[in-house]
Amino acid sequence: MDVWIIWLMLAALLGIAELFTLSAALGLLGGAAVVTAVAAALGAPVAAQLVVFAASAGGSIWLVRPVVLRHLHQPPAQPFGIEALVGRSAEVVRDVSSRSGTVRIDGEDWSARPCHPHDPEYVIPAGVTVSVMAIRGATALVHPQE
């Protein structure tokens, strides 16, 4: 079996392993194995192949991996879904108490409860503007704006 085929098999194995680990290291080593397979196919001796592998692996891990990790671990630029509703203003449509209530957030009606009901009889009347403090399930926890 030709040496370049062995390098390609190693590259494939490292690529598959990267899919399971998402470490951004095994994929770069797989890329280095592909570069080495090309060198082997062009007739480079085994010692030169090892130098090519070490240089391309070391260079890619030193230069490329920090950039890849920085992009992988970045939080989303904007919150989406229910996280995007937290902090928004809403209008109370039906009185909000510890038992029931409805607010309108961006044109959608949500069931609502007071965020910190100190008194079980506490009610936020209809027409009041509130801030959405959190979302629990399909219920907005709200607090009146000052």
Protein backbone atom coordinates (compact mmCIF):
# COMPACT_ATOMS: atom_id res chain seq x y z
CA MET A 1 0.00 0.00 0.00
CA ASP A 2 1.28 3.45 -0.91
CA VAL A 3 2.22 5.78 1.94
CA TRP A 4 0.02 8.60 0.66
CA ILE A 5 -3.06 6.37 1.04
CA ILE A 6 -2.14 5.78 4.69
CA TRP A 7 -1.94 9.57 5.19
CA LEU A 8 -5.38 9.97 3.60
CA MET A 9 -6.85 7.27 5.84
CA LEU A 10 -5.34 9.03 8.86
CA ALA A 11 -6.86 12.31 7.64
CA ALA A 12 -10.28 10.68 7.32
CA LEU A 13 -10.08 9.15 10.81
CA LEU A 14 -9.03 12.48 12.31
CA GLY A 15 -11.86 14.24 10.46
CA ILE A 16 -14.41 11.77 11.80
CA ALA A 17 -13.00 12.11 15.32
CA GLU A 18 -13.30 15.92 15.01
CA LEU A 19 -17.02 15.54 14.32
CA PHE A 20 -17.43 13.87 17.71
CA THR A 21 -15.16 16.15 19.76
CA LEU A 22 -15.52 19.61 18.13
CA SER A 23 -12.14 20.49 19.61
CA ALA A 24 -10.86 22.26 16.49
CA ALA A 25 -7.60 20.29 16.88
CA LEU A 26 -8.25 16.91 15.32
CA GLY A 27 -9.64 18.49 12.15
CA LEU A 28 -6.52 20.61 11.81
CA LEU A 29 -4.36 17.50 12.26
CA GLY A 30 -6.48 15.83 9.57
CA GLY A 31 -5.75 18.79 7.28
CA ALA A 32 -2.06 18.40 8.02
CA ALA A 33 -2.35 14.71 7.09
CA VAL A 34 -3.92 15.71 3.74
CA VAL A 35 -1.03 18.09 3.04
CA THR A 36 1.39 15.29 3.93
CA ALA A 37 -0.49 12.87 1.63
CA VAL A 38 0.09 15.31 -1.23
CA ALA A 39 3.79 15.48 -0.35
CA ALA A 40 3.95 11.68 -0.23
CA ALA A 41 2.15 11.39 -3.59
CA LEU A 42 4.74 13.76 -5.08
CA GLY A 43 7.49 11.40 -3.93
CA ALA A 44 8.80 12.98 -0.71
CA PRO A 45 10.76 10.56 1.49
CA VAL A 46 9.25 9.46 4.83
CA ALA A 47 11.52 11.81 6.83
CA ALA A 48 10.37 14.78 4.74
CA GLN A 49 6.74 13.66 5.14
CA LEU A 50 7.13 13.72 8.91
CA VAL A 51 8.63 17.22 8.73
CA VAL A 52 5.75 18.38 6.47
CA PHE A 53 3.21 16.88 8.87
CA ALA A 54 4.82 18.43 11.94
CA ALA A 55 5.18 21.85 10.29
CA SER A 56 1.66 21.98 8.90
CA ALA A 57 0.09 20.60 12.10
CA GLY A 58 2.06 22.93 14.35
CA GLY A 59 1.42 25.94 12.15
CA SER A 60 -2.29 25.32 11.83
CA ILE A 61 -2.77 24.66 15.54
CA TRP A 62 -0.73 27.73 16.45
CA LEU A 63 -2.29 30.08 13.88
CA VAL A 64 -5.75 28.74 12.98
CA ARG A 65 -7.05 27.03 16.14
CA PRO A 66 -7.27 30.21 18.29
CA VAL A 67 -9.34 31.91 15.57
CA VAL A 68 -11.64 28.89 15.22
CA LEU A 69 -12.15 28.60 18.99
CA ARG A 70 -12.88 32.32 19.29
CA HIS A 71 -15.64 31.96 16.69
CA LEU A 72 -17.01 28.72 18.15
CA HIS A 73 -17.39 30.11 21.67
CA GLN A 74 -18.85 33.52 20.80
CA PRO A 75 -22.31 34.20 22.13
CA PRO A 76 -24.93 34.98 19.51
CA ALA A 77 -24.79 38.59 18.32
CA GLN A 78 -28.44 39.11 19.25
CA PRO A 79 -30.60 37.12 21.59
CA PHE A 80 -33.40 35.25 19.86
CA GLY A 81 -36.50 33.36 20.88
CA ILE A 82 -37.83 34.01 24.34
CA GLU A 83 -34.46 35.43 25.45
CA ALA A 84 -35.09 38.37 23.12
CA LEU A 85 -38.25 39.26 25.05
CA VAL A 86 -36.50 39.79 28.38
CA GLY A 87 -36.01 43.50 28.98
CA ARG A 88 -38.72 44.58 26.55
CA SER A 89 -41.63 46.80 27.45
CA ALA A 90 -45.15 45.41 27.42
CA GLU A 91 -48.63 46.75 27.99
CA VAL A 92 -50.96 45.11 30.47
CA VAL A 93 -54.09 44.00 28.58
CA ARG A 94 -55.86 42.28 31.51
CA ASP A 95 -55.01 42.92 35.17
CA VAL A 96 -51.91 40.98 36.21
CA SER A 97 -52.09 39.21 39.56
CA SER A 98 -50.55 36.12 41.09
CA ARG A 99 -53.39 34.06 39.57
CA SER A 100 -53.93 35.51 36.08
CA GLY A 101 -53.15 38.31 33.68
CA THR A 102 -52.24 39.14 30.11
CA VAL A 103 -49.68 41.49 28.58
CA ARG A 104 -49.03 42.43 24.98
CA ILE A 105 -45.39 42.13 23.92
CA ASP A 106 -44.67 43.30 20.36
CA GLY A 107 -48.26 42.66 19.31
CA GLU A 108 -48.50 39.20 20.88
CA ASP A 109 -50.55 38.43 23.96
CA TRP A 110 -48.74 36.54 26.74
CA SER A 111 -50.00 35.26 30.04
CA ALA A 112 -48.29 37.20 32.80
CA ARG A 113 -47.63 37.23 36.52
CA PRO A 114 -45.94 39.86 38.70
CA CYS A 115 -42.20 39.26 38.96
CA HIS A 116 -42.05 39.56 42.76
CA PRO A 117 -45.55 39.44 44.22
CA HIS A 118 -44.92 40.53 47.84
CA ASP A 119 -48.66 40.54 48.47
CA PRO A 120 -50.96 37.84 47.05
CA GLU A 121 -53.53 40.57 46.40
CA TYR A 122 -51.02 42.66 44.38
CA VAL A 123 -52.47 43.61 40.98
CA ILE A 124 -50.94 45.49 38.06
CA PRO A 125 -53.94 47.19 36.40
CA ALA A 126 -54.71 47.12 32.67
CA GLY A 127 -53.08 49.90 30.65
CA VAL A 128 -49.88 50.02 32.72
CA THR A 129 -46.54 49.68 30.93
CA VAL A 130 -44.38 46.94 32.40
CA SER A 131 -40.93 45.51 31.82
CA VAL A 132 -40.51 41.83 31.04
CA MET A 133 -38.10 40.51 33.65
CA ALA A 134 -38.14 36.82 32.68
CA ILE A 135 -40.07 34.20 30.73
CA ARG A 136 -41.08 30.96 32.46
CA GLY A 137 -42.70 28.56 30.05
CA ALA A 138 -45.38 30.61 28.30
CA THR A 139 -45.71 33.15 31.12
CA ALA A 140 -44.01 36.53 31.25
CA LEU A 141 -42.85 37.72 34.66
CA VAL A 142 -43.34 41.49 34.65
CA HIS A 143 -42.65 44.52 36.80
CA PRO A 144 -44.24 47.97 36.42
CA GLN A 145 -42.00 50.62 34.88
CA GLU A 146 -41.38 53.74 36.92
